[in-house]
N, C-alpha and C. Protein backbone atom coordinates (compact mmCIF):
# COMPACT_ATOMS: atom_id res chain seq x y z
N MET A 1 -105.35 113.80 -4.48
CA MET A 1 -106.24 114.37 -5.45
C MET A 1 -107.11 113.24 -5.94
N GLN A 2 -108.38 113.55 -6.23
CA GLN A 2 -109.29 112.54 -6.62
C GLN A 2 -109.26 112.38 -8.23
N GLU A 3 -109.08 111.20 -8.83
CA GLU A 3 -109.12 111.23 -10.21
C GLU A 3 -110.52 111.26 -10.76
N HIS A 4 -110.65 111.89 -11.89
CA HIS A 4 -111.96 111.99 -12.32
C HIS A 4 -112.16 111.06 -13.58
N ILE A 5 -113.12 110.05 -13.56
CA ILE A 5 -113.41 109.18 -14.62
C ILE A 5 -114.77 109.58 -15.43
N LEU A 6 -114.54 109.48 -16.74
CA LEU A 6 -115.65 109.67 -17.47
C LEU A 6 -116.30 108.13 -17.92
N LEU A 7 -117.25 107.68 -17.32
CA LEU A 7 -117.98 106.40 -17.54
C LEU A 7 -119.02 106.43 -18.60
N VAL A 8 -118.62 105.71 -19.74
CA VAL A 8 -119.65 105.81 -20.94
C VAL A 8 -120.21 104.40 -21.11
N GLU A 9 -121.52 104.25 -20.63
CA GLU A 9 -122.15 103.00 -20.71
C GLU A 9 -123.66 103.23 -20.71
N ASP A 10 -124.46 102.70 -21.81
CA ASP A 10 -125.90 102.74 -21.94
C ASP A 10 -126.58 101.86 -21.25
N ASP A 11 -126.05 100.74 -20.61
CA ASP A 11 -126.81 99.80 -19.69
C ASP A 11 -126.73 100.56 -18.45
N GLN A 12 -127.79 100.93 -17.94
CA GLN A 12 -127.98 101.53 -16.53
C GLN A 12 -127.56 100.77 -15.45
N SER A 13 -127.93 99.61 -15.35
CA SER A 13 -127.48 98.76 -14.16
C SER A 13 -126.04 98.65 -14.25
N ILE A 14 -125.33 98.45 -15.22
CA ILE A 14 -123.86 98.19 -15.27
C ILE A 14 -123.32 99.48 -14.98
N CYS A 15 -123.95 100.71 -15.47
CA CYS A 15 -123.40 102.06 -15.17
C CYS A 15 -123.42 102.29 -13.65
N GLU A 16 -124.52 102.14 -13.03
CA GLU A 16 -124.68 102.26 -11.54
C GLU A 16 -123.76 101.22 -10.84
N MET A 17 -123.63 100.15 -11.23
CA MET A 17 -122.64 99.19 -10.46
C MET A 17 -121.21 99.65 -10.45
N VAL A 18 -120.70 100.09 -11.70
CA VAL A 18 -119.42 100.49 -11.89
C VAL A 18 -119.21 101.89 -11.09
N GLU A 19 -120.09 102.74 -11.36
CA GLU A 19 -120.05 104.03 -10.59
C GLU A 19 -120.01 103.92 -9.11
N ASN A 20 -120.89 102.94 -8.49
CA ASN A 20 -120.84 102.75 -7.19
C ASN A 20 -119.44 102.27 -6.50
N TYR A 21 -118.97 101.27 -7.27
CA TYR A 21 -117.78 100.60 -6.90
C TYR A 21 -116.57 101.53 -6.98
N LEU A 22 -116.48 102.49 -8.13
CA LEU A 22 -115.28 103.12 -8.30
C LEU A 22 -115.38 104.46 -7.33
N THR A 23 -116.66 104.94 -7.03
CA THR A 23 -116.71 105.94 -6.14
C THR A 23 -116.26 105.56 -4.63
N ARG A 24 -116.61 104.41 -4.31
CA ARG A 24 -116.23 103.84 -3.04
C ARG A 24 -114.73 103.74 -2.94
N ASP A 25 -114.03 103.50 -4.07
CA ASP A 25 -112.62 103.49 -3.94
C ASP A 25 -111.92 104.87 -4.13
N GLY A 26 -112.86 105.92 -4.17
CA GLY A 26 -112.28 107.20 -4.15
C GLY A 26 -112.23 108.07 -5.46
N PHE A 27 -112.73 107.45 -6.63
CA PHE A 27 -112.90 108.12 -7.67
C PHE A 27 -114.06 109.03 -8.07
N SER A 28 -113.97 110.03 -8.64
CA SER A 28 -115.19 111.05 -9.00
C SER A 28 -115.59 110.48 -10.44
N ILE A 29 -116.89 110.32 -10.65
CA ILE A 29 -117.30 109.77 -11.76
C ILE A 29 -118.42 110.60 -12.38
N THR A 30 -118.22 110.86 -13.73
CA THR A 30 -119.29 111.56 -14.63
C THR A 30 -119.73 110.45 -15.55
N SER A 31 -121.05 110.37 -15.81
CA SER A 31 -121.62 109.21 -16.65
C SER A 31 -122.14 109.79 -17.78
N ALA A 32 -121.89 108.95 -18.89
CA ALA A 32 -122.64 109.48 -20.30
C ALA A 32 -123.26 108.15 -20.72
N SER A 33 -124.34 108.24 -21.56
CA SER A 33 -124.92 107.03 -21.99
C SER A 33 -125.06 106.90 -23.41
N ASP A 34 -124.40 107.84 -24.24
CA ASP A 34 -124.40 107.60 -25.74
C ASP A 34 -123.10 108.34 -26.15
N GLY A 35 -122.85 108.08 -27.36
CA GLY A 35 -121.42 108.63 -28.01
C GLY A 35 -121.39 110.02 -28.05
N GLU A 36 -122.56 110.82 -28.43
CA GLU A 36 -122.71 112.24 -28.63
C GLU A 36 -122.50 112.93 -27.07
N GLU A 37 -123.11 112.22 -26.24
CA GLU A 37 -123.01 112.77 -24.82
C GLU A 37 -121.45 112.67 -24.29
N VAL A 38 -120.78 111.60 -24.85
CA VAL A 38 -119.37 111.47 -24.21
C VAL A 38 -118.65 112.63 -24.91
N ILE A 39 -118.81 112.93 -26.19
CA ILE A 39 -118.05 114.13 -26.77
C ILE A 39 -118.35 115.40 -26.24
N ALA A 40 -119.66 115.51 -25.96
CA ALA A 40 -120.12 116.85 -25.31
C ALA A 40 -119.44 117.04 -23.88
N LYS A 41 -119.48 115.98 -23.02
CA LYS A 41 -118.92 115.99 -21.68
C LYS A 41 -117.45 116.14 -21.75
N PHE A 42 -116.86 115.39 -22.75
CA PHE A 42 -115.29 115.64 -22.74
C PHE A 42 -114.95 116.94 -23.20
N SER A 43 -115.56 117.62 -23.98
CA SER A 43 -115.27 118.94 -24.33
C SER A 43 -115.44 120.01 -23.37
N LYS A 44 -116.16 119.63 -22.29
CA LYS A 44 -116.57 120.58 -21.34
C LYS A 44 -115.69 120.47 -19.88
N ASP A 45 -115.21 119.23 -19.80
CA ASP A 45 -114.62 119.04 -18.35
C ASP A 45 -113.16 118.23 -18.57
N THR A 46 -112.51 118.16 -17.57
CA THR A 46 -111.30 117.46 -17.58
C THR A 46 -111.33 116.05 -16.96
N PHE A 47 -110.71 115.07 -17.58
CA PHE A 47 -110.94 113.70 -16.94
C PHE A 47 -109.54 113.00 -16.99
N ASP A 48 -109.29 112.13 -16.02
CA ASP A 48 -107.99 111.35 -15.95
C ASP A 48 -108.20 110.03 -16.70
N LEU A 49 -109.32 109.40 -17.04
CA LEU A 49 -109.51 108.36 -17.83
C LEU A 49 -110.90 108.31 -18.35
N ILE A 50 -111.09 107.52 -19.39
CA ILE A 50 -112.48 107.29 -19.95
C ILE A 50 -112.59 105.76 -20.05
N LEU A 51 -113.83 105.39 -19.41
CA LEU A 51 -114.35 103.92 -19.50
C LEU A 51 -115.23 104.06 -20.53
N LEU A 52 -115.24 103.23 -21.56
CA LEU A 52 -115.84 103.55 -22.79
C LEU A 52 -116.43 102.20 -23.39
N ASP A 53 -117.84 102.11 -23.49
CA ASP A 53 -118.57 101.01 -24.05
C ASP A 53 -118.39 101.19 -25.40
N ILE A 54 -118.24 99.96 -26.36
CA ILE A 54 -118.34 100.25 -27.77
C ILE A 54 -119.78 100.48 -28.38
N MET A 55 -120.61 99.56 -28.00
CA MET A 55 -121.93 99.52 -28.49
C MET A 55 -122.81 100.65 -27.76
N LEU A 56 -122.84 101.89 -28.37
CA LEU A 56 -123.67 102.97 -27.92
C LEU A 56 -124.71 103.48 -28.81
N PRO A 57 -125.76 103.99 -28.49
CA PRO A 57 -126.54 104.70 -29.38
C PRO A 57 -126.12 106.01 -29.89
N ASN A 58 -126.69 106.59 -31.11
CA ASN A 58 -126.28 107.90 -31.53
C ASN A 58 -124.90 107.77 -32.32
N LEU A 59 -123.83 107.53 -31.54
CA LEU A 59 -122.55 107.45 -32.07
C LEU A 59 -121.85 106.46 -31.35
N ASP A 60 -121.32 105.31 -32.15
CA ASP A 60 -120.75 104.32 -31.43
C ASP A 60 -119.50 104.78 -30.70
N GLY A 61 -119.00 103.80 -29.88
CA GLY A 61 -117.73 104.04 -29.00
C GLY A 61 -116.60 104.24 -29.67
N LEU A 62 -116.36 103.46 -30.81
CA LEU A 62 -115.15 103.53 -31.72
C LEU A 62 -115.08 105.04 -32.28
N GLU A 63 -116.26 105.41 -32.85
CA GLU A 63 -116.20 106.69 -33.52
C GLU A 63 -115.91 107.79 -32.51
N ALA A 64 -116.66 107.65 -31.22
CA ALA A 64 -116.25 108.66 -30.33
C ALA A 64 -114.89 108.74 -29.93
N MET A 65 -114.23 107.54 -29.77
CA MET A 65 -112.89 107.49 -29.37
C MET A 65 -112.00 107.95 -30.43
N LYS A 66 -112.26 107.93 -31.78
CA LYS A 66 -111.52 108.48 -32.81
C LYS A 66 -111.55 110.12 -32.56
N MET A 67 -112.67 110.69 -32.29
CA MET A 67 -112.78 112.08 -32.13
C MET A 67 -112.02 112.36 -30.78
N ILE A 68 -112.04 111.69 -29.84
CA ILE A 68 -111.26 112.08 -28.73
C ILE A 68 -109.76 111.99 -28.86
N ARG A 69 -109.34 110.95 -29.53
CA ARG A 69 -107.90 110.81 -30.01
C ARG A 69 -107.41 111.92 -30.85
N GLU A 70 -108.32 112.57 -31.54
CA GLU A 70 -107.86 113.64 -32.38
C GLU A 70 -107.34 114.91 -31.48
N LYS A 71 -107.88 114.88 -30.14
CA LYS A 71 -107.66 116.10 -29.32
C LYS A 71 -106.79 115.65 -28.16
N SER A 72 -106.84 114.30 -27.72
CA SER A 72 -106.10 113.94 -26.41
C SER A 72 -105.61 112.59 -26.60
N SER A 73 -104.69 112.44 -25.60
CA SER A 73 -104.03 111.10 -25.42
C SER A 73 -104.46 110.42 -24.00
N ILE A 74 -105.62 111.01 -23.52
CA ILE A 74 -106.15 110.54 -22.17
C ILE A 74 -106.37 109.09 -22.26
N PRO A 75 -106.08 108.28 -21.11
CA PRO A 75 -106.13 106.83 -21.03
C PRO A 75 -107.69 106.38 -21.50
N ILE A 76 -107.90 105.51 -22.26
CA ILE A 76 -109.10 104.93 -22.69
C ILE A 76 -109.16 103.42 -22.42
N VAL A 77 -110.15 102.97 -21.57
CA VAL A 77 -110.47 101.54 -21.33
C VAL A 77 -111.72 101.22 -21.97
N ILE A 78 -111.57 100.31 -22.90
CA ILE A 78 -112.86 99.90 -23.39
C ILE A 78 -113.57 98.69 -22.54
N ILE A 79 -114.86 98.92 -22.30
CA ILE A 79 -115.62 97.85 -21.54
C ILE A 79 -116.66 97.50 -22.44
N SER A 80 -116.71 96.12 -22.91
CA SER A 80 -117.66 95.79 -24.13
C SER A 80 -117.95 94.29 -24.15
N ALA A 81 -119.12 94.02 -24.51
CA ALA A 81 -119.58 92.60 -24.82
C ALA A 81 -119.04 92.06 -25.93
N LYS A 82 -118.50 92.90 -26.78
CA LYS A 82 -117.87 92.27 -28.03
C LYS A 82 -116.42 91.96 -27.67
N ASP A 83 -116.02 90.69 -27.49
CA ASP A 83 -114.84 90.00 -27.03
C ASP A 83 -114.07 89.25 -28.19
N GLN A 84 -114.46 89.58 -29.23
CA GLN A 84 -113.81 89.02 -30.48
C GLN A 84 -112.36 89.67 -30.63
N ASP A 85 -111.44 88.87 -31.02
CA ASP A 85 -110.02 89.44 -31.24
C ASP A 85 -110.17 90.53 -32.21
N VAL A 86 -110.95 90.56 -33.29
CA VAL A 86 -111.13 91.58 -34.32
C VAL A 86 -111.36 92.94 -33.63
N GLU A 87 -112.38 92.84 -32.78
CA GLU A 87 -112.88 94.14 -32.16
C GLU A 87 -111.69 94.54 -31.19
N LYS A 88 -111.16 93.71 -30.36
CA LYS A 88 -110.04 94.23 -29.50
C LYS A 88 -108.98 94.77 -30.33
N ALA A 89 -108.54 94.25 -31.53
CA ALA A 89 -107.44 94.55 -32.30
C ALA A 89 -107.71 95.95 -32.88
N LEU A 90 -109.02 96.19 -33.32
CA LEU A 90 -109.39 97.37 -33.88
C LEU A 90 -109.34 98.42 -32.80
N GLY A 91 -109.78 98.21 -31.56
CA GLY A 91 -109.76 99.17 -30.61
C GLY A 91 -108.33 99.55 -30.19
N LEU A 92 -107.46 98.57 -30.06
CA LEU A 92 -106.05 98.88 -29.70
C LEU A 92 -105.39 99.57 -30.84
N GLY A 93 -105.80 99.30 -32.02
CA GLY A 93 -105.15 99.96 -33.08
C GLY A 93 -105.58 101.44 -33.22
N LEU A 94 -106.75 101.72 -32.71
CA LEU A 94 -107.09 103.05 -32.65
C LEU A 94 -106.80 103.85 -31.50
N GLY A 95 -106.06 103.20 -30.64
CA GLY A 95 -105.53 104.02 -29.59
C GLY A 95 -106.11 103.72 -28.08
N VAL A 96 -106.70 102.40 -28.04
CA VAL A 96 -107.12 102.22 -26.58
C VAL A 96 -106.10 101.60 -25.77
N ASP A 97 -106.13 102.07 -24.56
CA ASP A 97 -105.04 101.51 -23.56
C ASP A 97 -105.42 100.19 -23.06
N ASP A 98 -106.55 99.93 -23.01
CA ASP A 98 -106.86 98.48 -22.46
C ASP A 98 -108.27 98.25 -22.77
N TYR A 99 -108.60 96.83 -22.82
CA TYR A 99 -109.89 96.33 -23.14
C TYR A 99 -110.37 95.23 -22.19
N ILE A 100 -111.66 95.41 -21.61
CA ILE A 100 -112.16 94.43 -20.76
C ILE A 100 -113.41 93.94 -21.28
N SER A 101 -113.53 92.49 -21.35
CA SER A 101 -114.67 92.06 -21.86
C SER A 101 -115.89 91.85 -20.81
N LYS A 102 -116.99 92.09 -21.18
CA LYS A 102 -118.18 91.72 -20.35
C LYS A 102 -118.59 90.34 -20.44
N PRO A 103 -118.95 89.71 -19.32
CA PRO A 103 -118.96 90.26 -17.99
C PRO A 103 -117.59 90.42 -17.36
N PHE A 104 -117.33 91.30 -16.57
CA PHE A 104 -116.11 91.43 -15.92
C PHE A 104 -116.08 91.51 -14.45
N SER A 105 -115.06 91.33 -13.84
CA SER A 105 -114.84 91.43 -12.27
C SER A 105 -114.70 92.80 -11.91
N MET A 106 -115.44 93.31 -11.01
CA MET A 106 -115.15 94.54 -10.50
C MET A 106 -113.80 94.90 -9.97
N ILE A 107 -113.09 93.75 -9.26
CA ILE A 107 -111.71 93.99 -8.76
C ILE A 107 -110.86 94.03 -10.09
N GLU A 108 -111.10 93.24 -11.24
CA GLU A 108 -110.13 93.38 -12.18
C GLU A 108 -110.31 94.85 -12.88
N LEU A 109 -111.54 95.36 -13.02
CA LEU A 109 -111.83 96.70 -13.47
C LEU A 109 -111.11 97.62 -12.77
N LEU A 110 -111.18 97.61 -11.43
CA LEU A 110 -110.41 98.60 -10.62
C LEU A 110 -108.98 98.35 -10.94
N ALA A 111 -108.42 97.34 -10.89
CA ALA A 111 -107.03 97.14 -11.12
C ALA A 111 -106.51 97.77 -12.37
N ARG A 112 -107.38 97.50 -13.52
CA ARG A 112 -106.98 98.00 -14.83
C ARG A 112 -107.16 99.57 -14.88
N VAL A 113 -108.18 100.16 -14.31
CA VAL A 113 -108.31 101.52 -14.09
C VAL A 113 -107.08 102.03 -13.48
N LYS A 114 -106.71 101.60 -12.23
CA LYS A 114 -105.61 102.30 -11.53
C LYS A 114 -104.26 102.01 -12.35
N ALA A 115 -104.16 101.03 -13.16
CA ALA A 115 -102.95 100.65 -13.91
C ALA A 115 -102.80 101.75 -15.10
N ALA A 116 -103.84 101.95 -15.75
CA ALA A 116 -103.96 102.87 -16.97
C ALA A 116 -103.66 104.33 -16.40
N ILE A 117 -104.28 104.67 -15.28
CA ILE A 117 -104.01 106.06 -14.66
C ILE A 117 -102.41 106.22 -14.33
N ARG A 118 -101.96 104.97 -13.57
CA ARG A 118 -100.62 105.07 -13.22
C ARG A 118 -99.65 105.27 -14.49
N ARG A 119 -99.94 104.49 -15.47
CA ARG A 119 -98.96 104.63 -16.72
C ARG A 119 -99.16 105.92 -17.27
N ALA A 120 -100.11 106.49 -17.39
CA ALA A 120 -100.36 107.78 -17.97
C ALA A 120 -99.55 108.90 -17.08
N ALA A 121 -99.82 108.80 -15.71
CA ALA A 121 -98.97 109.61 -15.02
C ALA A 121 -97.46 109.57 -15.12
N ASN A 122 -97.07 108.25 -15.22
CA ASN A 122 -95.67 107.91 -15.22
C ASN A 122 -95.03 108.56 -16.59
N TYR A 123 -95.76 108.17 -17.65
CA TYR A 123 -95.41 108.77 -18.99
C TYR A 123 -95.35 110.22 -18.93
N SER A 124 -96.31 110.98 -18.34
CA SER A 124 -96.35 112.33 -18.10
C SER A 124 -95.24 112.93 -17.39
N SER A 125 -94.64 112.35 -16.27
CA SER A 125 -93.63 112.80 -15.55
C SER A 125 -92.47 112.53 -16.31
N ARG A 126 -92.25 111.51 -17.03
CA ARG A 126 -91.08 111.33 -17.98
C ARG A 126 -90.92 112.29 -18.91
N GLN A 127 -92.15 112.63 -19.61
CA GLN A 127 -92.12 113.73 -20.58
C GLN A 127 -91.62 114.94 -20.01
N ASP A 128 -92.03 115.35 -18.82
CA ASP A 128 -91.59 116.54 -18.18
C ASP A 128 -90.24 116.69 -17.98
N LYS A 129 -89.73 115.49 -17.49
CA LYS A 129 -88.18 115.33 -17.36
C LYS A 129 -87.48 115.49 -18.72
N VAL A 130 -87.88 114.83 -19.84
CA VAL A 130 -87.31 114.97 -21.18
C VAL A 130 -87.32 116.56 -21.71
N ASP A 131 -88.47 117.27 -21.34
CA ASP A 131 -88.50 118.41 -21.85
C ASP A 131 -87.59 119.42 -21.11
N ASN A 132 -87.14 119.05 -19.90
CA ASN A 132 -86.25 119.94 -19.24
C ASN A 132 -84.65 119.72 -19.45
N ILE A 133 -84.68 118.77 -20.64
CA ILE A 133 -83.22 118.57 -21.10
C ILE A 133 -83.24 119.19 -22.53
N ILE A 134 -82.30 120.08 -22.85
CA ILE A 134 -82.21 120.62 -24.08
C ILE A 134 -80.80 120.36 -24.77
N LYS A 135 -80.79 119.84 -25.91
CA LYS A 135 -79.60 119.47 -26.62
C LYS A 135 -79.46 120.31 -27.88
N ILE A 136 -78.38 121.01 -27.83
CA ILE A 136 -77.96 121.78 -29.03
C ILE A 136 -76.52 121.30 -29.44
N GLY A 137 -76.40 120.71 -30.64
CA GLY A 137 -75.12 120.19 -31.04
C GLY A 137 -74.66 119.26 -30.13
N SER A 138 -73.35 119.64 -29.60
CA SER A 138 -72.76 118.66 -28.55
C SER A 138 -73.01 119.37 -27.13
N LEU A 139 -73.85 120.17 -27.00
CA LEU A 139 -74.16 120.96 -25.69
C LEU A 139 -75.45 120.21 -25.18
N THR A 140 -75.37 119.69 -23.92
CA THR A 140 -76.57 119.20 -23.10
C THR A 140 -76.94 120.12 -21.95
N ILE A 141 -78.03 120.76 -21.96
CA ILE A 141 -78.44 121.68 -20.81
C ILE A 141 -79.58 121.24 -20.05
N ASP A 142 -79.35 120.76 -18.76
CA ASP A 142 -80.53 120.10 -17.93
C ASP A 142 -80.98 121.42 -17.02
N ILE A 143 -82.29 121.88 -17.44
CA ILE A 143 -82.80 122.94 -16.81
C ILE A 143 -83.13 122.62 -15.30
N THR A 144 -83.53 121.27 -15.15
CA THR A 144 -84.02 120.97 -13.63
C THR A 144 -82.69 120.83 -12.85
N ASN A 145 -81.77 120.31 -13.14
CA ASN A 145 -80.55 120.17 -12.32
C ASN A 145 -79.42 121.28 -12.41
N PHE A 146 -79.80 122.30 -13.38
CA PHE A 146 -78.88 123.42 -13.47
C PHE A 146 -77.45 122.99 -14.02
N SER A 147 -77.34 122.12 -14.81
CA SER A 147 -76.15 121.61 -15.26
C SER A 147 -75.91 121.74 -16.75
N VAL A 148 -74.68 121.82 -17.39
CA VAL A 148 -74.36 121.95 -18.75
C VAL A 148 -73.30 120.97 -18.96
N MET A 149 -73.38 120.19 -20.06
CA MET A 149 -72.50 119.38 -20.37
C MET A 149 -72.17 119.54 -21.98
N LYS A 150 -70.82 119.62 -22.27
CA LYS A 150 -70.30 119.44 -23.72
C LYS A 150 -69.54 118.23 -24.02
N LYS A 151 -70.08 117.30 -24.97
CA LYS A 151 -69.59 116.20 -25.11
C LYS A 151 -69.21 115.38 -23.95
N LYS A 152 -70.14 115.31 -23.08
CA LYS A 152 -70.20 114.58 -21.70
C LYS A 152 -69.11 115.13 -20.83
N GLU A 153 -68.75 116.26 -20.90
CA GLU A 153 -67.80 116.91 -19.96
C GLU A 153 -68.48 118.03 -19.35
N PRO A 154 -68.58 118.19 -17.96
CA PRO A 154 -69.36 119.20 -17.30
C PRO A 154 -68.75 120.52 -17.47
N ILE A 155 -69.59 121.54 -17.77
CA ILE A 155 -69.13 122.91 -17.95
C ILE A 155 -69.58 123.74 -16.70
N LYS A 156 -68.61 124.42 -16.09
CA LYS A 156 -68.96 125.10 -14.84
C LYS A 156 -69.57 126.49 -15.12
N LEU A 157 -70.56 126.83 -14.62
CA LEU A 157 -71.21 128.12 -15.01
C LEU A 157 -71.73 128.63 -13.59
N THR A 158 -71.56 130.06 -13.50
CA THR A 158 -72.13 130.82 -12.22
C THR A 158 -73.76 130.64 -12.46
N SER A 159 -74.55 130.71 -11.34
CA SER A 159 -75.83 130.91 -11.52
C SER A 159 -76.30 131.89 -12.49
N LYS A 160 -75.76 133.08 -12.65
CA LYS A 160 -76.31 134.07 -13.67
C LYS A 160 -75.91 133.57 -14.98
N GLU A 161 -74.82 133.10 -15.17
CA GLU A 161 -74.35 132.45 -16.42
C GLU A 161 -75.36 131.51 -16.96
N PHE A 162 -75.71 130.57 -16.17
CA PHE A 162 -76.61 129.51 -16.46
C PHE A 162 -78.14 130.20 -16.67
N GLU A 163 -78.39 131.12 -16.03
CA GLU A 163 -79.82 131.60 -16.29
C GLU A 163 -79.95 132.31 -17.64
N ILE A 164 -78.56 133.17 -17.98
CA ILE A 164 -78.67 133.65 -19.25
C ILE A 164 -78.62 132.67 -20.52
N LEU A 165 -77.87 131.67 -20.20
CA LEU A 165 -77.85 130.40 -21.22
C LEU A 165 -79.26 129.88 -21.36
N LYS A 166 -79.92 129.70 -20.19
CA LYS A 166 -81.35 129.17 -20.16
C LYS A 166 -82.30 130.00 -20.99
N LEU A 167 -82.10 131.40 -20.64
CA LEU A 167 -82.93 132.42 -21.36
C LEU A 167 -82.66 132.28 -22.88
N PHE A 168 -81.51 132.07 -23.36
CA PHE A 168 -81.29 131.93 -24.82
C PHE A 168 -81.76 130.65 -25.40
N VAL A 169 -81.69 129.45 -24.69
CA VAL A 169 -81.99 128.22 -25.34
C VAL A 169 -83.62 128.23 -25.24
N THR A 170 -84.27 128.61 -24.39
CA THR A 170 -85.53 128.55 -24.17
C THR A 170 -86.41 129.58 -24.98
N ASN A 171 -85.51 130.56 -25.48
CA ASN A 171 -86.26 131.53 -26.39
C ASN A 171 -85.41 131.50 -27.64
N PHE A 172 -85.20 130.57 -28.40
CA PHE A 172 -84.27 130.35 -29.37
C PHE A 172 -84.45 131.36 -30.52
N ASN A 173 -85.50 131.74 -30.94
CA ASN A 173 -85.62 132.75 -32.07
C ASN A 173 -86.06 134.01 -31.70
N ARG A 174 -85.58 134.42 -30.54
CA ARG A 174 -86.06 135.88 -29.73
C ARG A 174 -84.84 136.68 -29.69
N LEU A 175 -84.83 137.81 -30.00
CA LEU A 175 -83.59 138.87 -29.68
C LEU A 175 -83.92 139.65 -28.48
N PHE A 176 -82.77 139.77 -27.64
CA PHE A 176 -82.99 140.45 -26.49
C PHE A 176 -81.96 141.64 -26.35
N THR A 177 -82.27 142.71 -25.85
CA THR A 177 -81.39 143.89 -25.62
C THR A 177 -80.45 143.59 -24.29
N LYS A 178 -79.50 144.33 -24.15
CA LYS A 178 -78.53 144.19 -23.04
C LYS A 178 -79.18 144.46 -21.77
N GLU A 179 -80.22 145.36 -21.81
CA GLU A 179 -80.90 145.71 -20.64
C GLU A 179 -81.90 144.47 -20.28
N GLN A 180 -82.62 143.94 -21.25
CA GLN A 180 -83.53 142.77 -20.93
C GLN A 180 -82.61 141.63 -20.41
N ILE A 181 -81.28 141.19 -20.79
CA ILE A 181 -80.50 140.30 -20.36
C ILE A 181 -80.00 140.55 -18.88
N TYR A 182 -79.48 141.82 -18.67
CA TYR A 182 -79.15 142.21 -17.38
C TYR A 182 -80.28 142.07 -16.36
N HIS A 183 -81.50 142.50 -16.80
CA HIS A 183 -82.59 142.53 -15.94
C HIS A 183 -83.10 141.02 -15.61
N PHE A 184 -82.87 140.28 -16.62
CA PHE A 184 -83.26 138.65 -16.18
C PHE A 184 -82.30 137.99 -15.41
N ALA A 185 -81.04 138.28 -15.47
CA ALA A 185 -80.06 137.71 -14.88
C ALA A 185 -80.10 138.34 -13.19
N ASP A 186 -80.50 139.35 -12.93
CA ASP A 186 -80.60 139.79 -11.56
C ASP A 186 -81.48 139.15 -10.85
């Protein structure tokens, strides 16, 4: 699957250079040249990463990032001519995943883009695994592996018993009739 990157850069020559390089490496690129445009495009489409310049017309990159962070934890890599520690610290404090100072090497940019996407994918898959383990008191239910433990001791359940338990723990505040339970377990 081709990763989709939102490239936000107001310098047309840098934008074209980055877009061409990343496209050759298999990424799909959507470009924006100001902060308002990035917010509009982010609201309409799905992206795997944002490459964001700080100094943008209409709405600066840090303000755009704050607005994006209110809605998403998408990886954001800042590319900026501002390479002072204060700007880097501010960006990192606001939720930037990485910071690249201009001028930059295209090889380094590509490596940082791939690393940010990889970290986000690994974090997401770990979250999925965590979400599939339910703990209630001393009971641990692993939905993925169909196992139940009580105080680290395995509890043997038939597949129907496990499905009924899963029904209850994944619908904690819901009542079921006998008919619904029997139908679910079949």
